[in-house]
Protein backbone atom coordinates (compact mmCIF):
# COMPACT_ATOMS: atom_id res chain seq x y z
CA MET A 1 -42.57 -35.57 31.67
CA GLY A 2 -41.98 -37.76 29.67
CA LYS A 3 -44.24 -39.23 27.40
CA ARG A 4 -45.52 -42.02 30.20
CA ASP A 5 -45.94 -39.31 32.43
CA ASP A 6 -48.81 -36.93 30.18
CA LEU A 7 -50.32 -40.52 29.69
CA ILE A 8 -50.53 -41.25 33.70
CA ALA A 9 -52.15 -37.38 34.00
CA LYS A 10 -54.48 -38.55 31.39
CA TYR A 11 -55.40 -42.12 32.72
CA ALA A 12 -56.03 -40.34 36.47
CA ASP A 13 -58.38 -37.63 34.89
CA ASP A 14 -60.45 -40.21 33.36
CA LEU A 15 -60.02 -41.59 36.58
CA LYS A 16 -61.62 -38.95 38.53
CA ASN A 17 -64.34 -37.05 35.86
CA LYS A 18 -65.52 -39.66 33.58
CA CYS A 19 -65.64 -43.44 36.02
CA GLY A 20 -66.09 -41.23 39.98
CA ILE A 21 -63.38 -43.01 41.77
CA THR A 22 -60.20 -40.72 43.30
CA PRO A 23 -57.12 -42.84 41.95
CA ASP A 24 -54.17 -44.86 43.51
CA MET A 25 -51.58 -42.76 42.00
CA ASP A 26 -48.94 -44.92 42.48
CA LEU A 27 -50.85 -48.03 41.89
CA LEU A 28 -51.57 -46.79 39.19
CA THR A 29 -48.14 -46.18 37.55
CA LYS A 30 -47.57 -49.60 37.76
CA VAL A 31 -50.82 -50.96 35.85
CA THR A 32 -49.82 -48.39 32.77
CA ILE A 33 -46.37 -50.10 33.32
CA GLY A 34 -47.64 -52.97 32.81
CA CYS A 35 -49.37 -52.57 29.91
CA GLY A 36 -45.71 -52.02 28.88
CA PRO A 37 -45.72 -50.38 24.66
CA ALA A 38 -49.13 -50.85 23.96
CA ILE A 39 -50.10 -47.79 25.49
CA TYR A 40 -48.03 -45.92 22.63
CA ASP A 41 -50.04 -47.10 20.33
CA ASP A 42 -53.67 -45.46 19.37
CA ASP A 43 -54.95 -49.17 18.61
CA ALA A 44 -54.41 -51.37 21.05
CA SER A 45 -53.67 -48.27 24.42
CA THR A 46 -58.27 -49.12 24.69
CA VAL A 47 -60.43 -51.77 24.18
CA ALA A 48 -63.49 -51.43 22.52
CA ALA A 49 -65.81 -52.24 24.68
CA THR A 50 -68.23 -53.62 22.19
CA GLN A 51 -66.75 -56.52 20.49
CA ASP A 52 -67.03 -59.56 22.55
CA SER A 53 -63.37 -60.72 21.25
CA GLU A 54 -61.74 -57.84 22.84
CA LEU A 55 -63.55 -58.94 26.24
CA GLU A 56 -63.17 -62.55 25.90
CA THR A 57 -58.88 -61.22 25.15
CA VAL A 58 -59.22 -58.60 28.98
CA LYS A 59 -60.24 -61.92 30.61
CA GLU A 60 -57.59 -64.79 29.36
CA ASN A 61 -54.92 -62.25 28.62
CA PHE A 62 -55.32 -59.64 32.24
CA LEU A 63 -58.02 -61.60 34.33
CA ILE A 64 -56.34 -65.24 33.65
CA LYS A 65 -52.76 -64.96 32.79
CA LYS A 66 -51.56 -61.98 34.70
CA LEU A 67 -53.98 -61.33 37.86
CA ALA A 68 -54.24 -65.54 38.23
CA LEU A 69 -57.93 -66.00 38.87
CA ARG A 70 -60.08 -68.36 38.25
CA ASP A 71 -62.12 -68.24 34.74
CA SER A 72 -65.87 -67.99 35.93
CA PRO A 73 -68.94 -65.83 35.16
CA GLU A 74 -68.01 -63.46 37.65
CA LEU A 75 -65.16 -62.93 36.13
CA MET A 76 -66.93 -61.08 32.25
CA GLU A 77 -68.92 -59.45 35.00
CA ALA A 78 -66.22 -57.30 36.40
CA ILE A 79 -65.41 -56.34 32.76
CA ASN A 80 -69.02 -55.49 32.67
CA LYS A 81 -68.88 -53.62 35.03
CA ALA A 82 -65.38 -52.37 34.55
CA MET A 83 -66.93 -50.57 30.94
CA ASP A 84 -70.28 -49.36 32.64
CA THR A 85 -67.88 -47.55 35.46
CA TYR A 86 -66.29 -46.37 32.93
CA GLY A 87 -69.38 -45.06 30.60
CA ARG A 88 -71.19 -47.61 27.45
CA SER A 89 -71.18 -44.34 25.49
CA GLU A 90 -67.55 -43.43 26.43
CA ARG A 91 -65.59 -43.66 23.18
CA ASN A 92 -62.26 -43.96 24.66
CA LYS A 93 -61.77 -46.89 26.95
CA TYR A 94 -58.12 -46.59 28.02
CA ARG A 95 -56.86 -49.54 28.65
CA ALA A 96 -54.07 -48.57 31.60
CA VAL A 97 -57.47 -47.96 33.64
CA VAL A 98 -59.68 -50.32 32.94
CA TYR A 99 -57.04 -52.45 34.22
CA TYR A 100 -56.62 -50.45 37.54
CA MET A 101 -60.32 -50.94 38.27
CA LEU A 102 -60.47 -54.60 37.59
CA VAL A 103 -57.58 -54.88 39.76
CA LYS A 104 -59.04 -52.71 42.52
CA HIS A 105 -62.15 -54.63 41.92
CA PHE A 106 -60.22 -58.81 42.27
CA GLY A 107 -57.80 -57.14 45.22
CA LYS A 108 -55.05 -57.61 43.92
CA GLU A 109 -53.42 -54.89 43.92
CA SER A 110 -50.42 -57.11 46.01
CA ILE A 111 -49.71 -58.31 42.11
CA TYR A 112 -48.62 -55.21 41.56
CA GLY A 113 -46.78 -54.68 44.81
């Protein structure tokens, strides 16, 4: 297995054990690939849930630009719900896991079709 496969396995484990979600491995793989080289960078691979600017970046760059959603209060509510699901006390919230939960929340799996 390559490094990306190892990371996908780690993300699947987080979804199962920390979020209580059984992942769709095909979708998780596509979301992870969609994150690009960020998954290999310690800082970029995680979402800092305590930083409003970081959450705003997730909203702007992922939900609005990638998933083509309209800006509304619902977007930040969904991000906060994903953070709660992951566990606010969880130090490392992996970007691919958060994005996966957001894709599922908004029913945007077709973008990764």
